[in-house]
């Protein structure tokens, strides 16, 4: 069975699970698989650049669909990458801070970035980040994962479907397939970037 669209994916999952009248559940299985993907997949196809502006409060809004940062670089000259630190470390830095200046470090604080030092005026940085995978829907019938890696969607949805069936053996089987497929996808990302493609910080936006 083809897997080139959201409708075809739903039909395939229904066929594999022998479910003919469970559309709502199948939609849920796919959504749950997407949620798993968003916590695990870090691939070149799912990166974006955005201008992030730190206000004089030291805060900046996370970019749309933010999942984790690869780099946060000060705009202009001299441009340089800010160091990623924990929120606890950021609190220590700010507690001992003197005069403000161009940001040198950042941390994720809720739905915002927080920087050190605190700038005296709005300061732009360029964020290269991993973003949320565009969710499949009736009005968004495909995305880069389904187009290039349909097995990821299928195995993920089946893992959740067999779990709903209380079929532990098949749930475990397809969960393993799902996780292996995501690992292979991440390995492509590491190869493409020539590095470990490791996330710096994580935050989830609505």
Protein backbone atom coordinates (compact mmCIF):
# COMPACT_ATOMS: atom_id res chain seq x y z
CA UNK A 1 0.00 0.00 0.00
CA UNK A 2 1.27 3.51 -0.88
CA UNK A 3 2.44 5.89 1.84
CA UNK A 4 2.66 9.17 -0.02
CA UNK A 5 -0.09 11.10 1.78
CA UNK A 6 -1.79 11.45 5.16
CA UNK A 7 -4.86 9.57 3.89
CA UNK A 8 -2.73 6.72 2.52
CA UNK A 9 -0.82 6.51 5.81
CA UNK A 10 -4.08 6.25 7.75
CA UNK A 11 -5.34 3.54 5.40
CA UNK A 12 -2.10 1.60 5.70
CA UNK A 13 -2.09 1.77 9.51
CA UNK A 14 -5.72 0.61 9.55
CA UNK A 15 -4.82 -2.32 7.29
CA UNK A 16 -1.80 -3.38 9.35
CA UNK A 17 -3.81 -3.18 12.56
CA UNK A 18 -6.93 -4.76 11.02
CA UNK A 19 -8.99 -1.73 12.05
CA UNK A 20 -11.77 -0.68 9.70
CA UNK A 21 -13.76 1.73 11.88
CA UNK A 22 -11.20 3.42 14.12
CA UNK A 23 -10.37 6.64 12.27
CA UNK A 24 -10.11 8.70 15.45
CA UNK A 25 -7.73 6.24 17.06
CA UNK A 26 -5.55 6.03 13.94
CA UNK A 27 -5.28 9.81 13.83
CA UNK A 28 -4.19 9.65 17.48
CA UNK A 29 -1.59 6.95 16.75
CA UNK A 30 -0.04 9.15 14.06
CA UNK A 31 -0.09 12.23 16.31
CA UNK A 32 1.57 10.27 19.12
CA UNK A 33 4.26 9.07 16.69
CA UNK A 34 4.86 12.71 15.69
CA UNK A 35 5.23 13.66 19.35
CA UNK A 36 7.89 10.95 19.73
CA UNK A 37 9.65 12.18 16.59
CA UNK A 38 9.80 15.74 17.87
CA UNK A 39 11.65 14.65 21.01
CA UNK A 40 14.11 12.46 19.09
CA UNK A 41 14.69 13.51 15.47
CA UNK A 42 17.37 16.10 14.81
CA UNK A 43 17.85 16.14 11.04
CA UNK A 44 19.19 18.62 8.49
CA UNK A 45 15.75 18.81 6.83
CA UNK A 46 14.26 20.10 10.04
CA UNK A 47 16.48 23.09 10.74
CA UNK A 48 15.79 26.77 10.26
CA UNK A 49 17.39 30.17 10.81
CA UNK A 50 15.71 33.03 12.64
CA UNK A 51 16.70 36.44 13.95
CA UNK A 52 16.45 36.47 17.75
CA UNK A 53 16.49 39.90 19.38
CA UNK A 54 17.54 40.27 23.01
CA UNK A 55 15.88 43.23 24.73
CA UNK A 56 17.50 45.26 27.52
CA UNK A 57 15.80 42.83 29.93
CA UNK A 58 18.13 40.11 28.65
CA UNK A 59 15.21 38.10 27.25
CA UNK A 60 14.29 37.10 23.70
CA UNK A 61 11.39 35.03 22.40
CA UNK A 62 12.14 31.53 21.13
CA UNK A 63 11.76 31.17 17.35
CA UNK A 64 8.55 29.67 16.01
CA UNK A 65 8.48 25.88 16.35
CA UNK A 66 11.69 25.84 18.42
CA UNK A 67 12.88 22.46 19.69
CA UNK A 68 16.62 22.89 20.32
CA UNK A 69 19.44 25.17 19.22
CA UNK A 70 22.46 24.30 17.12
CA UNK A 71 24.01 27.76 17.35
CA UNK A 72 23.13 31.26 18.49
CA UNK A 73 25.43 33.80 16.84
CA UNK A 74 25.80 37.52 17.50
CA UNK A 75 24.89 39.51 14.40
CA UNK A 76 27.21 42.08 12.88
CA UNK A 77 30.90 42.47 13.51
CA UNK A 78 32.52 40.96 15.38
CA UNK A 79 30.15 38.02 15.12
CA UNK A 80 30.66 35.01 17.35
CA UNK A 81 28.72 32.06 18.74
CA UNK A 82 27.21 32.46 22.20
CA UNK A 83 28.01 29.74 24.72
CA UNK A 84 25.10 27.52 25.76
CA UNK A 85 24.80 27.23 29.56
CA UNK A 86 22.30 25.77 31.99
CA UNK A 87 19.69 28.02 33.57
CA UNK A 88 21.37 27.53 36.96
CA UNK A 89 24.69 28.67 35.52
CA UNK A 90 22.95 31.64 33.89
CA UNK A 91 21.57 32.66 37.29
CA UNK A 92 25.09 32.52 38.74
CA UNK A 93 26.50 34.64 35.93
CA UNK A 94 23.78 37.26 36.24
CA UNK A 95 24.13 37.39 40.03
CA UNK A 96 27.76 38.39 39.68
CA UNK A 97 27.30 40.62 36.65
CA UNK A 98 28.60 44.14 36.48
CA UNK A 99 28.08 46.42 33.52
CA UNK A 100 26.11 45.11 30.55
CA UNK A 101 27.47 44.38 27.09
CA UNK A 102 27.07 42.18 24.08
CA UNK A 103 25.69 38.73 24.99
CA UNK A 104 28.28 35.99 25.42
CA UNK A 105 26.13 33.13 26.79
CA UNK A 106 22.52 32.02 26.63
CA UNK A 107 20.10 29.65 28.31
CA UNK A 108 16.51 28.62 27.70
CA UNK A 109 14.18 30.06 30.33
CA UNK A 110 10.61 28.89 29.79
CA UNK A 111 9.49 30.20 26.40
CA UNK A 112 12.42 32.62 26.15
CA UNK A 113 16.16 32.80 25.72
CA UNK A 114 18.00 34.60 28.51
CA UNK A 115 21.46 36.00 27.89
CA UNK A 116 24.56 37.15 29.74
CA UNK A 117 25.65 39.92 29.90
CA UNK A 118 22.39 41.84 29.64
CA UNK A 119 22.62 44.22 26.66
CA UNK A 120 21.98 47.94 27.09
CA UNK A 121 19.86 48.01 23.91
CA UNK A 122 18.11 45.57 21.57
CA UNK A 123 20.72 43.16 20.23
CA UNK A 124 20.21 40.78 17.29
CA UNK A 125 21.48 37.23 17.07
CA UNK A 126 20.97 34.55 14.43
CA UNK A 127 19.63 31.26 15.75
CA UNK A 128 20.19 28.03 13.80
CA UNK A 129 17.76 25.61 15.37
CA UNK A 130 15.81 22.39 15.11
CA UNK A 131 12.10 23.03 14.71
CA UNK A 132 8.89 21.09 15.23
CA UNK A 133 8.05 18.69 12.41
CA UNK A 134 5.03 20.03 10.46
CA UNK A 135 2.11 17.91 11.67
CA UNK A 136 0.15 15.89 9.16
CA UNK A 137 -3.48 16.93 8.78
CA UNK A 138 -6.29 16.93 6.24
CA UNK A 139 -4.99 20.28 4.97
CA UNK A 140 -1.30 19.29 5.26
CA UNK A 141 -1.19 15.90 3.60
CA UNK A 142 2.57 15.37 3.60
CA UNK A 143 5.81 16.63 5.10
CA UNK A 144 9.50 15.89 4.71
CA UNK A 145 9.40 12.84 7.03
CA UNK A 146 6.52 11.13 5.22
CA UNK A 147 7.95 12.02 1.79
CA UNK A 148 11.46 10.76 2.50
CA UNK A 149 11.10 8.35 5.42
CA UNK A 150 7.57 6.88 5.42
CA UNK A 151 8.71 3.89 7.48
CA UNK A 152 9.26 6.22 10.45
CA UNK A 153 5.59 7.22 10.45
CA UNK A 154 4.36 3.70 9.82
CA UNK A 155 6.45 2.04 12.52
CA UNK A 156 5.65 4.78 15.04
CA UNK A 157 1.92 4.66 14.46
CA UNK A 158 1.93 0.84 14.59
CA UNK A 159 3.84 0.85 17.89
CA UNK A 160 1.12 3.02 19.43
CA UNK A 161 -1.62 1.04 17.70
CA UNK A 162 -0.46 -2.31 18.99
CA UNK A 163 -0.09 -0.74 22.42
CA UNK A 164 -3.75 0.29 22.22
CA UNK A 165 -4.52 -3.32 21.27
CA UNK A 166 -2.57 -4.53 24.34
CA UNK A 167 -0.43 -6.57 21.93
CA UNK A 168 2.82 -6.32 23.86
CA UNK A 169 4.88 -8.43 21.49
CA UNK A 170 4.05 -6.41 18.39
CA UNK A 171 4.21 -3.14 20.30
CA UNK A 172 7.77 -3.95 21.33
CA UNK A 173 8.63 -5.12 17.81
CA UNK A 174 7.46 -1.95 16.10
CA UNK A 175 8.75 0.32 18.83
CA UNK A 176 12.21 -1.10 18.15
CA UNK A 177 11.75 -0.59 14.38
CA UNK A 178 10.55 2.96 15.02
CA UNK A 179 13.49 3.85 17.25
CA UNK A 180 16.00 2.28 14.82
CA UNK A 181 14.50 4.24 11.90
CA UNK A 182 14.82 7.51 13.84
CA UNK A 183 18.42 6.67 14.76
CA UNK A 184 19.25 6.14 11.07
CA UNK A 185 17.62 9.46 10.23
CA UNK A 186 19.65 11.23 12.91
CA UNK A 187 22.81 9.55 11.63
CA UNK A 188 22.17 11.17 8.25
CA UNK A 189 21.97 14.51 10.03
CA UNK A 190 25.31 13.97 11.74
CA UNK A 191 26.91 13.00 8.42
CA UNK A 192 25.41 16.00 6.63
CA UNK A 193 26.72 18.48 9.21
CA UNK A 194 30.03 16.73 9.72
CA UNK A 195 29.56 16.83 13.47
CA UNK A 196 27.56 15.18 16.24
CA UNK A 197 24.50 17.31 15.45
CA UNK A 198 23.98 17.51 19.19
CA UNK A 199 21.24 19.76 20.50
CA UNK A 200 22.41 22.55 22.77
CA UNK A 201 19.25 23.17 24.78
CA UNK A 202 15.67 21.95 24.58
CA UNK A 203 12.37 23.73 24.92
CA UNK A 204 8.94 23.03 23.58
CA UNK A 205 6.60 25.67 22.28
CA UNK A 206 2.84 25.21 21.86
